C-alpha atoms as a PDB file:
ATOM      1  CA  MET A   1      -0.140   0.166  -0.420  1.00  0.00           C
ATOM      2  CA  ARG A   2       2.739   2.454   1.114  1.00  0.00           C
ATOM      3  CA  GLU A   3       4.466   2.203  -2.530  1.00  0.00           C
ATOM      4  CA  LYS A   4       1.443   1.935  -4.301  1.00  0.00           C
ATOM      5  CA  ILE A   5       1.207   5.630  -2.147  1.00  0.00           C
ATOM      6  CA  ARG A   6       5.087   6.492  -3.391  1.00  0.00           C
ATOM      7  CA  THR A   7       4.305   5.519  -6.101  1.00  0.00           C
ATOM      8  CA  GLU A   8       1.041   7.913  -7.340  1.00  0.00           C
ATOM      9  CA  VAL A   9       3.177  10.833  -5.509  1.00  0.00           C
ATOM     10  CA  GLN A  10       6.066  10.133  -7.863  1.00  0.00           C
ATOM     11  CA  SER A  11       4.515  10.438 -11.370  1.00  0.00           C
ATOM     12  CA  ALA A  12       2.313  13.354 -10.146  1.00  0.00           C
ATOM     13  CA  VAL A  13       5.336  15.290  -8.915  1.00  0.00           C
ATOM     14  CA  GLU A  14       8.020  13.709 -12.206  1.00  0.00           C
ATOM     15  CA  PRO A  15       5.773  16.091 -14.925  1.00  0.00           C
ATOM     16  CA  VAL A  16       5.689  18.744 -12.547  1.00  0.00           C
ATOM     17  CA  THR A  17       9.394  18.707 -12.108  1.00  0.00           C
ATOM     18  CA  ARG A  18      10.445  18.055 -16.375  1.00  0.00           C
ATOM     19  CA  GLU A  19       7.708  21.311 -16.715  1.00  0.00           C
ATOM     20  CA  ARG A  20       9.944  23.267 -14.108  1.00  0.00           C
ATOM     21  CA  GLU A  21      13.482  21.805 -16.351  1.00  0.00           C
ATOM     22  CA  LEU A  22      11.957  23.097 -19.475  1.00  0.00           C
ATOM     23  CA  THR A  23      10.588  26.075 -18.695  1.00  0.00           C
ATOM     24  CA  SER A  24      13.910  27.054 -16.705  1.00  0.00           C
ATOM     25  CA  LEU A  25      15.995  25.664 -20.233  1.00  0.00           C
ATOM     26  CA  SER A  26      13.392  28.157 -21.981  1.00  0.00           C
ATOM     27  CA  LEU A  27      14.158  30.900 -19.984  1.00  0.00           C
ATOM     28  CA  PHE A  28      18.103  30.547 -20.364  1.00  0.00           C
ATOM     29  CA  THR A  29      18.094  30.080 -23.992  1.00  0.00           C
ATOM     30  CA  VAL A  30      16.088  33.746 -24.666  1.00  0.00           C
ATOM     31  CA  VAL A  31      18.325  35.406 -21.578  1.00  0.00           C
ATOM     32  CA  VAL A  32      21.379  34.482 -23.907  1.00  0.00           C
ATOM     33  CA  VAL A  33      20.266  35.657 -26.562  1.00  0.00           C
ATOM     34  CA  LEU A  34      18.595  39.234 -24.735  1.00  0.00           C
ATOM     35  CA  ALA A  35      22.346  39.583 -23.465  1.00  0.00           C
ATOM     36  CA  THR A  36      23.428  39.821 -26.748  1.00  0.00           C
ATOM     37  CA  VAL A  37      20.247  42.301 -28.096  1.00  0.00           C
ATOM     38  CA  THR A  38      21.065  43.912 -24.117  1.00  0.00           C
ATOM     39  CA  MET A  39      24.717  45.033 -25.543  1.00  0.00           C
ATOM     40  CA  THR A  40      23.516  45.888 -28.898  1.00  0.00           C
ATOM     41  CA  PHE A  41      20.853  48.489 -28.277  1.00  0.00           C
ATOM     42  CA  GLY A  42      23.752  49.546 -25.593  1.00  0.00           C
ATOM     43  CA  ALA A  43      26.362  50.542 -28.256  1.00  0.00           C
ATOM     44  CA  MET A  44      23.257  52.319 -30.348  1.00  0.00           C
ATOM     45  CA  ILE A  45      22.466  54.276 -27.889  1.00  0.00           C
ATOM     46  CA  THR A  46      25.800  55.181 -26.468  1.00  0.00           C
ATOM     47  CA  VAL A  47      27.037  56.774 -29.456  1.00  0.00           C
ATOM     48  CA  PHE A  48      23.587  58.576 -29.951  1.00  0.00           C
ATOM     49  CA  VAL A  49      24.339  60.655 -26.304  1.00  0.00           C
ATOM     50  CA  MET A  50      27.457  61.116 -27.807  1.00  0.00           C
ATOM     51  CA  ARG A  51      26.481  62.192 -30.813  1.00  0.00           C
ATOM     52  CA  SER A  52      24.065  64.087 -29.833  1.00  0.00           C
ATOM     53  CA  GLY A  53      26.313  66.560 -27.440  1.00  0.00           C
ATOM     54  CA  SER A  54      28.220  67.654 -31.371  1.00  0.00           C
ATOM     55  CA  GLY A  55      25.528  70.644 -31.341  1.00  0.00           C
ATOM     56  CA  LYS A  56      26.475  71.459 -34.918  1.00  0.00           C
ATOM     57  CA  PHE A  57      25.414  67.926 -36.676  1.00  0.00           C
ATOM     58  CA  TRP A  58      22.483  67.487 -33.827  1.00  0.00           C
ATOM     59  CA  GLY A  59      18.957  69.007 -35.519  1.00  0.00           C
ATOM     60  CA  HIS A  60      15.678  69.143 -34.014  1.00  0.00           C
ATOM     61  CA  ILE A  61      13.284  66.836 -36.041  1.00  0.00           C
ATOM     62  CA  ARG A  62       9.757  66.039 -35.498  1.00  0.00           C
ATOM     63  CA  ILE A  63       9.495  62.668 -33.728  1.00  0.00           C
ATOM     64  CA  PRO A  64       6.191  60.958 -36.088  1.00  0.00           C
ATOM     65  CA  GLY A  65       3.036  60.526 -34.279  1.00  0.00           C
ATOM     66  CA  VAL A  66       2.189  57.403 -35.989  1.00  0.00           C
ATOM     67  CA  LEU A  67       5.136  56.384 -33.756  1.00  0.00           C
ATOM     68  CA  TRP A  68       2.768  57.185 -30.761  1.00  0.00           C
ATOM     69  CA  ALA A  69      -0.076  55.018 -32.032  1.00  0.00           C
ATOM     70  CA  THR A  70       2.512  51.483 -32.441  1.00  0.00           C
ATOM     71  CA  THR A  71       3.387  51.922 -29.177  1.00  0.00           C
ATOM     72  CA  CYS A  72      -0.015  51.532 -27.650  1.00  0.00           C
ATOM     73  CA  ILE A  73       0.037  48.486 -30.229  1.00  0.00           C
ATOM     74  CA  LEU A  74       3.009  47.028 -29.469  1.00  0.00           C
ATOM     75  CA  LEU A  75       1.984  47.584 -25.835  1.00  0.00           C
ATOM     76  CA  ALA A  76      -1.568  46.416 -26.255  1.00  0.00           C
ATOM     77  CA  SER A  77      -0.257  43.004 -27.730  1.00  0.00           C
ATOM     78  CA  SER A  78       1.526  41.950 -24.366  1.00  0.00           C
ATOM     79  CA  ALA A  79      -0.809  42.479 -22.092  1.00  0.00           C
ATOM     80  CA  LEU A  80      -2.780  39.598 -24.807  1.00  0.00           C
ATOM     81  CA  PHE A  81      -0.270  37.738 -24.431  1.00  0.00           C
ATOM     82  CA  GLU A  82      -0.244  37.085 -20.996  1.00  0.00           C
ATOM     83  CA  MET A  83      -4.274  36.536 -21.584  1.00  0.00           C
ATOM     84  CA  ALA A  84      -3.100  33.988 -23.967  1.00  0.00           C
ATOM     85  CA  ARG A  85      -1.211  32.404 -21.416  1.00  0.00           C
ATOM     86  CA  ARG A  86      -3.185  31.920 -18.593  1.00  0.00           C
ATOM     87  CA  ARG A  87      -5.278  30.828 -20.519  1.00  0.00           C
ATOM     88  CA  LEU A  88      -3.053  28.318 -22.129  1.00  0.00           C
ATOM     89  CA  SER A  89      -2.194  27.421 -17.921  1.00  0.00           C
ATOM     90  CA  HIS A  90      -5.552  26.389 -17.885  1.00  0.00           C
ATOM     91  CA  ASN A  91      -5.251  24.162 -20.519  1.00  0.00           C
ATOM     92  CA  ASP A  92      -7.854  26.769 -22.639  1.00  0.00           C
ATOM     93  CA  GLN A  93      -5.546  25.610 -26.005  1.00  0.00           C
ATOM     94  CA  ARG A  94      -8.429  27.447 -27.785  1.00  0.00           C
ATOM     95  CA  GLY A  95      -8.381  30.788 -26.460  1.00  0.00           C
ATOM     96  CA  PHE A  96      -4.520  30.810 -26.338  1.00  0.00           C
ATOM     97  CA  PHE A  97      -4.358  30.393 -29.738  1.00  0.00           C
ATOM     98  CA  GLN A  98      -7.342  33.091 -30.607  1.00  0.00           C
ATOM     99  CA  LEU A  99      -5.454  35.513 -28.768  1.00  0.00           C
ATOM    100  CA  MET A 100      -1.933  34.636 -30.194  1.00  0.00           C
ATOM    101  CA  ALA A 101      -3.931  35.672 -33.695  1.00  0.00           C
ATOM    102  CA  TRP A 102      -4.966  38.858 -31.671  1.00  0.00           C
ATOM    103  CA  THR A 103      -1.184  39.186 -30.863  1.00  0.00           C
ATOM    104  CA  THR A 104       0.388  38.301 -34.061  1.00  0.00           C
ATOM    105  CA  LEU A 105      -1.712  40.663 -35.618  1.00  0.00           C
ATOM    106  CA  LEU A 106      -1.067  43.326 -33.484  1.00  0.00           C
ATOM    107  CA  GLY A 107       2.887  42.293 -33.824  1.00  0.00           C
ATOM    108  CA  VAL A 108       2.849  42.826 -37.673  1.00  0.00           C
ATOM    109  CA  LEU A 109       0.504  46.148 -36.918  1.00  0.00           C
ATOM    110  CA  PHE A 110       3.085  47.321 -34.866  1.00  0.00           C
ATOM    111  CA  LEU A 111       5.767  46.739 -37.759  1.00  0.00           C
ATOM    112  CA  LEU A 112       3.867  48.332 -40.704  1.00  0.00           C
ATOM    113  CA  GLY A 113       3.500  51.739 -38.663  1.00  0.00           C
ATOM    114  CA  GLN A 114       7.388  51.639 -38.284  1.00  0.00           C
ATOM    115  CA  ILE A 115       7.501  51.841 -42.050  1.00  0.00           C
ATOM    116  CA  THR A 116       4.578  54.404 -42.446  1.00  0.00           C
ATOM    117  CA  ALA A 117       7.589  56.516 -39.956  1.00  0.00           C
ATOM    118  CA  TRP A 118       9.723  55.895 -42.125  1.00  0.00           C
ATOM    119  CA  ILE A 119       8.150  56.866 -45.256  1.00  0.00           C
ATOM    120  CA  GLU A 120       6.798  60.269 -43.085  1.00  0.00           C
ATOM    121  CA  ILE A 121      10.200  61.080 -42.454  1.00  0.00           C
ATOM    122  CA  LEU A 122      11.502  60.438 -45.637  1.00  0.00           C
ATOM    123  CA  HIS A 123       8.461  62.892 -47.085  1.00  0.00           C
ATOM    124  CA  SER A 124       8.844  65.280 -44.091  1.00  0.00           C
ATOM    125  CA  GLY A 125      11.998  67.180 -46.007  1.00  0.00           C
ATOM    126  CA  VAL A 126      14.286  66.761 -43.375  1.00  0.00           C
ATOM    127  CA  ILE A 127      18.389  65.766 -45.296  1.00  0.00           C
ATOM    128  CA  LEU A 128      19.784  63.364 -43.869  1.00  0.00           C
ATOM    129  CA  ALA A 129      22.877  64.103 -44.112  1.00  0.00           C
ATOM    130  CA  GLN A 130      22.926  67.363 -42.463  1.00  0.00           C
ATOM    131  CA  ASN A 131      21.286  66.200 -39.425  1.00  0.00           C
ATOM    132  CA  PRO A 132      22.454  63.084 -37.797  1.00  0.00           C
ATOM    133  CA  HIS A 133      19.457  62.936 -35.600  1.00  0.00           C
ATOM    134  CA  SER A 134      17.026  62.015 -38.209  1.00  0.00           C
ATOM    135  CA  TRP A 135      19.419  58.852 -38.258  1.00  0.00           C
ATOM    136  CA  PHE A 136      18.753  57.145 -35.190  1.00  0.00           C
ATOM    137  CA  ILE A 137      14.473  57.339 -35.659  1.00  0.00           C
ATOM    138  CA  PHE A 138      15.825  54.576 -38.561  1.00  0.00           C
ATOM    139  CA  LEU A 139      18.102  53.283 -36.387  1.00  0.00           C
ATOM    140  CA  PHE A 140      15.981  52.569 -33.509  1.00  0.00           C
ATOM    141  CA  THR A 141      12.725  51.808 -35.345  1.00  0.00           C
ATOM    142  CA  GLY A 142      14.489  49.400 -37.903  1.00  0.00           C
ATOM    143  CA  LEU A 143      16.824  47.337 -35.698  1.00  0.00           C
ATOM    144  CA  HIS A 144      14.000  46.667 -33.397  1.00  0.00           C
ATOM    145  CA  GLY A 145      11.802  46.057 -36.258  1.00  0.00           C
ATOM    146  CA  LEU A 146      14.381  43.370 -37.221  1.00  0.00           C
ATOM    147  CA  HIS A 147      14.006  42.043 -33.247  1.00  0.00           C
ATOM    148  CA  ILE A 148      10.476  42.149 -33.971  1.00  0.00           C
ATOM    149  CA  VAL A 149      10.142  39.784 -36.910  1.00  0.00           C
ATOM    150  CA  VAL A 150      12.271  37.246 -35.067  1.00  0.00           C
ATOM    151  CA  GLY A 151       9.502  37.593 -32.453  1.00  0.00           C
ATOM    152  CA  LEU A 152       6.757  37.199 -35.043  1.00  0.00           C
ATOM    153  CA  ALA A 153       8.538  33.923 -35.854  1.00  0.00           C
ATOM    154  CA  GLY A 154       8.206  32.432 -32.245  1.00  0.00           C
ATOM    155  CA  LEU A 155       4.807  33.660 -32.013  1.00  0.00           C
ATOM    156  CA  ALA A 156       3.986  32.001 -34.983  1.00  0.00           C
ATOM    157  CA  TYR A 157       5.798  28.890 -33.931  1.00  0.00           C
ATOM    158  CA  LEU A 158       3.387  28.761 -30.586  1.00  0.00           C
ATOM    159  CA  LEU A 159       0.252  29.371 -33.127  1.00  0.00           C
ATOM    160  CA  HIS A 160       1.625  26.815 -35.819  1.00  0.00           C
ATOM    161  CA  ARG A 161       2.152  24.405 -32.117  1.00  0.00           C
ATOM    162  CA  THR A 162      -1.785  25.241 -31.011  1.00  0.00           C
ATOM    163  CA  ARG A 163      -3.715  25.426 -33.937  1.00  0.00           C
ATOM    164  CA  GLU A 164      -5.128  21.378 -33.659  1.00  0.00           C
ATOM    165  CA  PRO A 165      -6.029  20.301 -30.410  1.00  0.00           C
ATOM    166  CA  ALA A 166      -3.154  18.924 -28.061  1.00  0.00           C
ATOM    167  CA  SER A 167      -1.547  16.014 -28.601  1.00  0.00           C
ATOM    168  CA  GLY A 168      -1.068  14.963 -24.862  1.00  0.00           C
ATOM    169  CA  PRO A 169       0.065  16.617 -21.025  1.00  0.00           C
ATOM    170  CA  LYS A 170       3.767  16.182 -22.635  1.00  0.00           C
ATOM    171  CA  TYR A 171       2.945  17.959 -25.491  1.00  0.00           C
ATOM    172  CA  GLN A 172       1.494  21.253 -23.789  1.00  0.00           C
ATOM    173  CA  MET A 173       3.991  21.312 -21.565  1.00  0.00           C
ATOM    174  CA  GLN A 174       6.346  21.625 -23.925  1.00  0.00           C
ATOM    175  CA  THR A 175       4.662  24.680 -24.938  1.00  0.00           C
ATOM    176  CA  ARG A 176       3.556  25.988 -21.601  1.00  0.00           C
ATOM    177  CA  ALA A 177       7.693  25.738 -21.718  1.00  0.00           C
ATOM    178  CA  VAL A 178       8.664  27.812 -25.159  1.00  0.00           C
ATOM    179  CA  ALA A 179       5.509  30.654 -24.270  1.00  0.00           C
ATOM    180  CA  SER A 180       7.305  31.365 -21.144  1.00  0.00           C
ATOM    181  CA  GLY A 181      10.597  31.673 -22.928  1.00  0.00           C
ATOM    182  CA  VAL A 182       9.118  34.230 -25.750  1.00  0.00           C
ATOM    183  CA  ALA A 183       6.890  36.505 -23.700  1.00  0.00           C
ATOM    184  CA  VAL A 184       9.634  37.455 -21.580  1.00  0.00           C
ATOM    185  CA  PHE A 185      11.491  38.052 -25.444  1.00  0.00           C
ATOM    186  CA  TRP A 186       8.710  39.795 -26.223  1.00  0.00           C
ATOM    187  CA  HIS A 187       7.657  41.988 -23.338  1.00  0.00           C
ATOM    188  CA  TYR A 188      11.408  42.824 -23.477  1.00  0.00           C
ATOM    189  CA  LEU A 189      11.101  44.655 -26.640  1.00  0.00           C
ATOM    190  CA  ASP A 190       8.390  46.284 -25.049  1.00  0.00           C
ATOM    191  CA  PHE A 191      10.390  47.472 -22.640  1.00  0.00           C
ATOM    192  CA  MET A 192      13.612  48.595 -24.705  1.00  0.00           C
ATOM    193  CA  TRP A 193      10.710  50.448 -27.547  1.00  0.00           C
ATOM    194  CA  LEU A 194       9.808  52.305 -24.408  1.00  0.00           C
ATOM    195  CA  LEU A 195      13.370  53.103 -23.667  1.00  0.00           C
ATOM    196  CA  LEU A 196      14.647  53.875 -27.531  1.00  0.00           C
ATOM    197  CA  PHE A 197      11.446  56.061 -28.162  1.00  0.00           C
ATOM    198  CA  GLY A 198      11.883  58.307 -24.616  1.00  0.00           C
ATOM    199  CA  LEU A 199      15.416  58.623 -25.530  1.00  0.00           C
ATOM    200  CA  LEU A 200      13.942  60.242 -29.483  1.00  0.00           C
ATOM    201  CA  LEU A 201      11.585  62.511 -27.522  1.00  0.00           C
ATOM    202  CA  PHE A 202      12.601  63.354 -24.434  1.00  0.00           C
ATOM    203  CA  TRP A 203      17.095  63.082 -24.571  1.00  0.00           C
ATOM    204  CA  ARG A 204      17.859  67.494 -25.615  1.00  0.00           C
ATOM    205  CA  PRO A 205      21.681  67.565 -25.136  1.00  0.00           C
END
């Protein structure tokens, strides 16, 4: 009898332990990737701050209004992502899929908005060669946009995994682990965009 109870307890604990291990591995992988992302943006921000000290080459540029809209869109996508993860934790795969589809759509809209901002700047009459400040809008939005594309690939993978009913507890466990890693990456991109956008708006050398 005791052996039977011990076996049942062990059977209940092992899946939980395994999921924690998978989640830890997923998060570790994302942290390593984000370390590289942080160094890249850190170097770019350093150049931005140092270059801004040269007033002779630092003219004012109007920030396209569409960037305010894209910022709100990106924040909304993160909120939906967290709602989706809660659905997944309750094994509501259909609900997760639907919310992730909206999250992905908002991510695509964010990218389109960034491209619209580029076009607006190019048609504003600003001469880039005479105003390096404007280059940083392209650098910040462009490099961040590339990372958003990577994030969208992660969202697409999650959509692919959950488009059909789950094939079993192990499959669901792996999906939750992947979702945790992708969520950290996506939310970090939110933070990074807020930082970059804040610099463009408020930094005054």
